[in-house]
PDB file of N, CA and C in Angstrom:
ATOM      1  N   MET A   1      -0.384 -36.742 -62.530  1.00  0.00           N
ATOM      2  CA  MET A   1      -0.779 -35.407 -61.413  1.00  0.00           C
ATOM      3  C   MET A   1      -1.213 -36.278 -60.556  1.00  0.00           C
ATOM      4  N   THR A   2      -1.263 -35.929 -59.066  1.00  0.00           N
ATOM      5  CA  THR A   2      -2.057 -36.194 -58.070  1.00  0.00           C
ATOM      6  C   THR A   2      -2.189 -35.270 -57.278  1.00  0.00           C
ATOM      7  N   MET A   3      -3.607 -35.353 -56.328  1.00  0.00           N
ATOM      8  CA  MET A   3      -4.345 -34.212 -55.698  1.00  0.00           C
ATOM      9  C   MET A   3      -3.284 -33.905 -54.713  1.00  0.00           C
ATOM     10  N   LYS A   4      -3.008 -32.314 -54.558  1.00  0.00           N
ATOM     11  CA  LYS A   4      -2.064 -31.810 -53.573  1.00  0.00           C
ATOM     12  C   LYS A   4      -2.854 -31.894 -52.145  1.00  0.00           C
ATOM     13  N   THR A   5      -2.614 -32.623 -50.871  1.00  0.00           N
ATOM     14  CA  THR A   5      -3.127 -32.415 -49.649  1.00  0.00           C
ATOM     15  C   THR A   5      -2.622 -31.491 -48.935  1.00  0.00           C
ATOM     16  N   GLU A   6      -1.044 -30.849 -49.155  1.00  0.00           N
ATOM     17  CA  GLU A   6      -0.472 -30.098 -48.305  1.00  0.00           C
ATOM     18  C   GLU A   6      -0.853 -28.824 -48.891  1.00  0.00           C
ATOM     19  N   LEU A   7      -0.579 -27.871 -48.153  1.00  0.00           N
ATOM     20  CA  LEU A   7      -1.058 -26.416 -48.310  1.00  0.00           C
ATOM     21  C   LEU A   7      -0.046 -25.649 -49.620  1.00  0.00           C
ATOM     22  N   ASN A   8      -0.640 -25.228 -50.122  1.00  0.00           N
ATOM     23  CA  ASN A   8      -0.067 -25.111 -51.665  1.00  0.00           C
ATOM     24  C   ASN A   8      -0.263 -23.287 -51.945  1.00  0.00           C
ATOM     25  N   LEU A   9      -0.825 -22.743 -51.089  1.00  0.00           N
ATOM     26  CA  LEU A   9      -0.978 -21.555 -51.440  1.00  0.00           C
ATOM     27  C   LEU A   9      -0.022 -20.615 -50.879  1.00  0.00           C
ATOM     28  N   LYS A  10       0.658 -19.440 -51.655  1.00  0.00           N
ATOM     29  CA  LYS A  10       1.414 -18.557 -50.992  1.00  0.00           C
ATOM     30  C   LYS A  10       0.981 -17.723 -49.977  1.00  0.00           C
ATOM     31  N   ASN A  11      -0.140 -17.273 -50.086  1.00  0.00           N
ATOM     32  CA  ASN A  11      -0.855 -16.192 -49.172  1.00  0.00           C
ATOM     33  C   ASN A  11      -2.417 -16.782 -48.990  1.00  0.00           C
ATOM     34  N   PRO A  12      -2.652 -17.956 -48.225  1.00  0.00           N
ATOM     35  CA  PRO A  12      -4.175 -18.588 -48.245  1.00  0.00           C
ATOM     36  C   PRO A  12      -5.140 -17.259 -47.608  1.00  0.00           C
ATOM     37  N   ASP A  13      -4.652 -16.584 -46.310  1.00  0.00           N
ATOM     38  CA  ASP A  13      -5.427 -15.426 -45.909  1.00  0.00           C
ATOM     39  C   ASP A  13      -5.865 -14.567 -47.278  1.00  0.00           C
ATOM     40  N   ALA A  14      -5.006 -13.941 -48.065  1.00  0.00           N
ATOM     41  CA  ALA A  14      -5.050 -13.198 -48.910  1.00  0.00           C
ATOM     42  C   ALA A  14      -6.410 -13.833 -49.659  1.00  0.00           C
ATOM     43  N   PHE A  15      -5.998 -14.916 -50.155  1.00  0.00           N
ATOM     44  CA  PHE A  15      -7.370 -15.526 -50.851  1.00  0.00           C
ATOM     45  C   PHE A  15      -8.635 -15.979 -50.108  1.00  0.00           C
ATOM     46  N   TYR A  16      -8.629 -15.932 -49.151  1.00  0.00           N
ATOM     47  CA  TYR A  16      -9.914 -16.191 -48.641  1.00  0.00           C
ATOM     48  C   TYR A  16     -10.548 -14.814 -48.309  1.00  0.00           C
ATOM     49  N   GLU A  17      -9.557 -13.801 -47.959  1.00  0.00           N
ATOM     50  CA  GLU A  17     -10.007 -12.544 -47.804  1.00  0.00           C
ATOM     51  C   GLU A  17     -10.596 -12.064 -49.135  1.00  0.00           C
ATOM     52  N   ALA A  18     -10.171 -12.269 -50.178  1.00  0.00           N
ATOM     53  CA  ALA A  18     -10.713 -11.785 -51.358  1.00  0.00           C
ATOM     54  C   ALA A  18     -11.872 -12.767 -51.939  1.00  0.00           C
ATOM     55  N   TRP A  19     -11.983 -13.544 -51.506  1.00  0.00           N
ATOM     56  CA  TRP A  19     -13.124 -14.494 -51.822  1.00  0.00           C
ATOM     57  C   TRP A  19     -14.085 -14.204 -50.758  1.00  0.00           C
ATOM     58  N   LEU A  20     -14.191 -13.938 -49.876  1.00  0.00           N
ATOM     59  CA  LEU A  20     -15.105 -13.132 -48.833  1.00  0.00           C
ATOM     60  C   LEU A  20     -15.526 -11.743 -49.491  1.00  0.00           C
ATOM     61  N   ASP A  21     -14.852 -11.106 -49.823  1.00  0.00           N
ATOM     62  CA  ASP A  21     -14.806  -9.875 -50.304  1.00  0.00           C
ATOM     63  C   ASP A  21     -15.766  -9.890 -51.803  1.00  0.00           C
ATOM     64  N   ALA A  22     -15.773 -10.846 -52.201  1.00  0.00           N
ATOM     65  CA  ALA A  22     -16.392 -11.403 -53.458  1.00  0.00           C
ATOM     66  C   ALA A  22     -17.601 -11.544 -53.330  1.00  0.00           C
ATOM     67  N   HIS A  23     -18.290 -11.750 -52.000  1.00  0.00           N
ATOM     68  CA  HIS A  23     -19.585 -12.047 -51.586  1.00  0.00           C
ATOM     69  C   HIS A  23     -20.237 -11.299 -50.981  1.00  0.00           C
ATOM     70  N   ARG A  24     -19.689 -10.272 -50.779  1.00  0.00           N
ATOM     71  CA  ARG A  24     -20.275  -9.041 -49.840  1.00  0.00           C
ATOM     72  C   ARG A  24     -21.359  -8.412 -50.842  1.00  0.00           C
ATOM     73  N   GLY A  25     -22.528  -8.212 -50.015  1.00  0.00           N
ATOM     74  CA  GLY A  25     -23.397  -7.239 -50.956  1.00  0.00           C
ATOM     75  C   GLY A  25     -24.313  -8.488 -51.798  1.00  0.00           C
ATOM     76  N   LEU A  26     -24.185  -9.726 -51.991  1.00  0.00           N
ATOM     77  CA  LEU A  26     -24.839 -10.791 -52.334  1.00  0.00           C
ATOM     78  C   LEU A  26     -25.861 -11.614 -51.830  1.00  0.00           C
ATOM     79  N   ALA A  27     -26.984 -11.800 -52.645  1.00  0.00           N
ATOM     80  CA  ALA A  27     -27.969 -12.319 -51.962  1.00  0.00           C
ATOM     81  C   ALA A  27     -27.332 -13.906 -52.269  1.00  0.00           C
ATOM     82  N   ASP A  28     -28.157 -15.046 -51.271  1.00  0.00           N
ATOM     83  CA  ASP A  28     -27.492 -16.111 -51.240  1.00  0.00           C
ATOM     84  C   ASP A  28     -27.506 -16.919 -52.702  1.00  0.00           C
ATOM     85  N   ASP A  29     -28.643 -16.570 -53.329  1.00  0.00           N
ATOM     86  CA  ASP A  29     -28.536 -17.357 -54.585  1.00  0.00           C
ATOM     87  C   ASP A  29     -27.195 -17.068 -55.373  1.00  0.00           C
ATOM     88  N   GLN A  30     -27.253 -15.562 -55.232  1.00  0.00           N
ATOM     89  CA  GLN A  30     -25.806 -15.078 -55.852  1.00  0.00           C
ATOM     90  C   GLN A  30     -24.443 -15.296 -55.356  1.00  0.00           C
ATOM     91  N   SER A  31     -24.640 -15.922 -54.242  1.00  0.00           N
ATOM     92  CA  SER A  31     -23.388 -16.302 -53.613  1.00  0.00           C
ATOM     93  C   SER A  31     -22.768 -17.546 -54.178  1.00  0.00           C
ATOM     94  N   ALA A  32     -24.125 -18.621 -53.815  1.00  0.00           N
ATOM     95  CA  ALA A  32     -23.953 -19.779 -54.291  1.00  0.00           C
ATOM     96  C   ALA A  32     -23.409 -19.855 -56.035  1.00  0.00           C
ATOM     97  N   GLN A  33     -23.964 -19.122 -57.076  1.00  0.00           N
ATOM     98  CA  GLN A  33     -23.713 -19.169 -58.303  1.00  0.00           C
ATOM     99  C   GLN A  33     -22.233 -18.523 -58.090  1.00  0.00           C
ATOM    100  N   LEU A  34     -21.760 -17.640 -57.396  1.00  0.00           N
ATOM    101  CA  LEU A  34     -20.322 -17.248 -57.623  1.00  0.00           C
ATOM    102  C   LEU A  34     -19.321 -18.225 -57.158  1.00  0.00           C
ATOM    103  N   ASN A  35     -19.543 -19.018 -55.987  1.00  0.00           N
ATOM    104  CA  ASN A  35     -19.053 -20.304 -55.689  1.00  0.00           C
ATOM    105  C   ASN A  35     -19.017 -21.308 -56.571  1.00  0.00           C
ATOM    106  N   ALA A  36     -20.083 -21.706 -57.467  1.00  0.00           N
ATOM    107  CA  ALA A  36     -20.185 -22.341 -58.590  1.00  0.00           C
ATOM    108  C   ALA A  36     -19.328 -22.118 -59.801  1.00  0.00           C
ATOM    109  N   ARG A  37     -19.569 -20.994 -59.710  1.00  0.00           N
ATOM    110  CA  ARG A  37     -18.384 -20.352 -60.867  1.00  0.00           C
ATOM    111  C   ARG A  37     -17.071 -20.306 -60.860  1.00  0.00           C
ATOM    112  N   LEU A  38     -16.639 -20.131 -59.481  1.00  0.00           N
ATOM    113  CA  LEU A  38     -14.965 -20.224 -59.094  1.00  0.00           C
ATOM    114  C   LEU A  38     -14.656 -21.715 -59.071  1.00  0.00           C
ATOM    115  N   VAL A  39     -15.510 -22.278 -58.612  1.00  0.00           N
ATOM    116  CA  VAL A  39     -15.261 -23.941 -58.631  1.00  0.00           C
ATOM    117  C   VAL A  39     -15.003 -24.581 -60.481  1.00  0.00           C
ATOM    118  N   LEU A  40     -15.581 -24.094 -61.117  1.00  0.00           N
ATOM    119  CA  LEU A  40     -15.620 -24.398 -62.551  1.00  0.00           C
ATOM    120  C   LEU A  40     -14.313 -23.886 -62.949  1.00  0.00           C
ATOM    121  N   LEU A  41     -13.869 -22.440 -62.665  1.00  0.00           N
ATOM    122  CA  LEU A  41     -12.697 -21.817 -62.912  1.00  0.00           C
ATOM    123  C   LEU A  41     -11.479 -22.382 -62.449  1.00  0.00           C
ATOM    124  N   LEU A  42     -11.623 -22.884 -61.430  1.00  0.00           N
ATOM    125  CA  LEU A  42     -10.496 -23.419 -60.519  1.00  0.00           C
ATOM    126  C   LEU A  42     -10.231 -24.958 -61.588  1.00  0.00           C
ATOM    127  N   ALA A  43     -11.487 -25.373 -61.463  1.00  0.00           N
ATOM    128  CA  ALA A  43     -11.417 -27.072 -62.322  1.00  0.00           C
ATOM    129  C   ALA A  43     -10.876 -26.998 -63.703  1.00  0.00           C
ATOM    130  N   ASN A  44     -11.124 -25.808 -64.079  1.00  0.00           N
ATOM    131  CA  ASN A  44     -10.276 -25.671 -65.446  1.00  0.00           C
ATOM    132  C   ASN A  44      -8.877 -25.231 -65.615  1.00  0.00           C
ATOM    133  N   GLN A  45      -8.672 -24.611 -64.788  1.00  0.00           N
ATOM    134  CA  GLN A  45      -7.030 -24.771 -64.290  1.00  0.00           C
ATOM    135  C   GLN A  45      -6.530 -26.101 -64.145  1.00  0.00           C
ATOM    136  N   ILE A  46      -7.034 -26.831 -63.317  1.00  0.00           N
ATOM    137  CA  ILE A  46      -6.445 -27.812 -62.964  1.00  0.00           C
ATOM    138  C   ILE A  46      -6.479 -28.834 -64.199  1.00  0.00           C
ATOM    139  N   GLY A  47      -7.527 -29.096 -64.280  1.00  0.00           N
ATOM    140  CA  GLY A  47      -7.671 -29.708 -66.074  1.00  0.00           C
ATOM    141  C   GLY A  47      -7.268 -31.190 -65.717  1.00  0.00           C
ATOM    142  N   ASP A  48      -7.175 -31.803 -64.748  1.00  0.00           N
ATOM    143  CA  ASP A  48      -6.756 -33.336 -64.906  1.00  0.00           C
ATOM    144  C   ASP A  48      -7.739 -33.940 -64.282  1.00  0.00           C
ATOM    145  N   ASP A  49      -8.775 -34.726 -65.196  1.00  0.00           N
ATOM    146  CA  ASP A  49      -9.991 -35.455 -64.701  1.00  0.00           C
ATOM    147  C   ASP A  49      -9.763 -36.281 -63.261  1.00  0.00           C
ATOM    148  N   ARG A  50      -8.503 -36.963 -63.047  1.00  0.00           N
ATOM    149  CA  ARG A  50      -8.373 -37.758 -61.944  1.00  0.00           C
ATOM    150  C   ARG A  50      -8.289 -36.803 -61.058  1.00  0.00           C
ATOM    151  N   VAL A  51      -7.282 -36.122 -61.026  1.00  0.00           N
ATOM    152  CA  VAL A  51      -7.258 -35.007 -59.600  1.00  0.00           C
ATOM    153  C   VAL A  51      -8.467 -34.482 -59.459  1.00  0.00           C
ATOM    154  N   LEU A  52      -9.428 -33.911 -60.329  1.00  0.00           N
ATOM    155  CA  LEU A  52     -10.687 -33.488 -60.227  1.00  0.00           C
ATOM    156  C   LEU A  52     -11.577 -34.646 -59.553  1.00  0.00           C
ATOM    157  N   ALA A  53     -11.632 -35.702 -59.796  1.00  0.00           N
ATOM    158  CA  ALA A  53     -12.441 -36.735 -59.283  1.00  0.00           C
ATOM    159  C   ALA A  53     -12.116 -37.019 -57.726  1.00  0.00           C
ATOM    160  N   ASP A  54     -10.795 -36.948 -57.564  1.00  0.00           N
ATOM    161  CA  ASP A  54     -10.317 -37.272 -55.947  1.00  0.00           C
ATOM    162  C   ASP A  54     -10.535 -35.916 -55.478  1.00  0.00           C
ATOM    163  N   CYS A  55     -10.619 -34.858 -55.592  1.00  0.00           N
ATOM    164  CA  CYS A  55     -11.336 -33.543 -55.016  1.00  0.00           C
ATOM    165  C   CYS A  55     -12.618 -33.762 -54.704  1.00  0.00           C
ATOM    166  N   VAL A  56     -13.302 -34.246 -55.757  1.00  0.00           N
ATOM    167  CA  VAL A  56     -14.934 -34.275 -55.466  1.00  0.00           C
ATOM    168  C   VAL A  56     -15.012 -35.355 -54.526  1.00  0.00           C
ATOM    169  N   ALA A  57     -14.381 -36.084 -54.201  1.00  0.00           N
ATOM    170  CA  ALA A  57     -14.525 -37.285 -53.647  1.00  0.00           C
ATOM    171  C   ALA A  57     -14.078 -37.024 -52.201  1.00  0.00           C
ATOM    172  N   ALA A  58     -13.121 -36.052 -52.072  1.00  0.00           N
ATOM    173  CA  ALA A  58     -12.586 -35.613 -50.801  1.00  0.00           C
ATOM    174  C   ALA A  58     -13.506 -34.911 -49.928  1.00  0.00           C
ATOM    175  N   ALA A  59     -13.725 -33.580 -51.189  1.00  0.00           N
ATOM    176  CA  ALA A  59     -14.707 -32.658 -50.501  1.00  0.00           C
ATOM    177  C   ALA A  59     -16.325 -33.429 -50.111  1.00  0.00           C
ATOM    178  N   ALA A  60     -16.769 -34.188 -50.645  1.00  0.00           N
ATOM    179  CA  ALA A  60     -17.821 -34.995 -50.173  1.00  0.00           C
ATOM    180  C   ALA A  60     -17.954 -35.860 -49.255  1.00  0.00           C
ATOM    181  N   LYS A  61     -16.447 -36.455 -48.944  1.00  0.00           N
ATOM    182  CA  LYS A  61     -16.489 -37.389 -47.864  1.00  0.00           C
ATOM    183  C   LYS A  61     -17.181 -37.410 -46.531  1.00  0.00           C
ATOM    184  N   PRO A  62     -17.125 -35.899 -45.740  1.00  0.00           N
ATOM    185  CA  PRO A  62     -17.871 -35.605 -44.508  1.00  0.00           C
ATOM    186  C   PRO A  62     -19.096 -35.907 -44.893  1.00  0.00           C
ATOM    187  N   PHE A  63     -19.791 -35.939 -45.953  1.00  0.00           N
ATOM    188  CA  PHE A  63     -21.421 -36.063 -46.238  1.00  0.00           C
ATOM    189  C   PHE A  63     -21.566 -37.392 -46.608  1.00  0.00           C
ATOM    190  N   SER A  64     -20.882 -38.393 -46.631  1.00  0.00           N
ATOM    191  CA  SER A  64     -20.976 -39.461 -47.365  1.00  0.00           C
ATOM    192  C   SER A  64     -22.035 -40.321 -46.512  1.00  0.00           C
ATOM    193  N   HIS A  65     -21.815 -40.237 -45.155  1.00  0.00           N
ATOM    194  CA  HIS A  65     -22.861 -40.864 -44.534  1.00  0.00           C
ATOM    195  C   HIS A  65     -23.953 -40.608 -44.408  1.00  0.00           C
ATOM    196  N   ALA A  66     -24.688 -39.361 -44.969  1.00  0.00           N
ATOM    197  CA  ALA A  66     -25.877 -38.986 -44.977  1.00  0.00           C
ATOM    198  C   ALA A  66     -26.562 -39.809 -46.441  1.00  0.00           C
ATOM    199  N   ARG A  67     -25.691 -40.314 -47.656  1.00  0.00           N
ATOM    200  CA  ARG A  67     -26.388 -40.865 -48.189  1.00  0.00           C
ATOM    201  C   ARG A  67     -27.080 -42.014 -48.379  1.00  0.00           C
TER     202      ARG A  67
END
């Protein structure tokens, strides 16, 4: 399996709205915990170590100059 870089969501706007709705009323630390839990749940759905490593690297790339 390889990391998908093309849009693969059938309804990205609905996903984004549900994600934002899940954050309503949460404190900053609760929002961070929600995001961490969501990332771990989605990573478990993917289940491929190589794909996950590629996703982590792609997500971290914009911040790599700060290291």
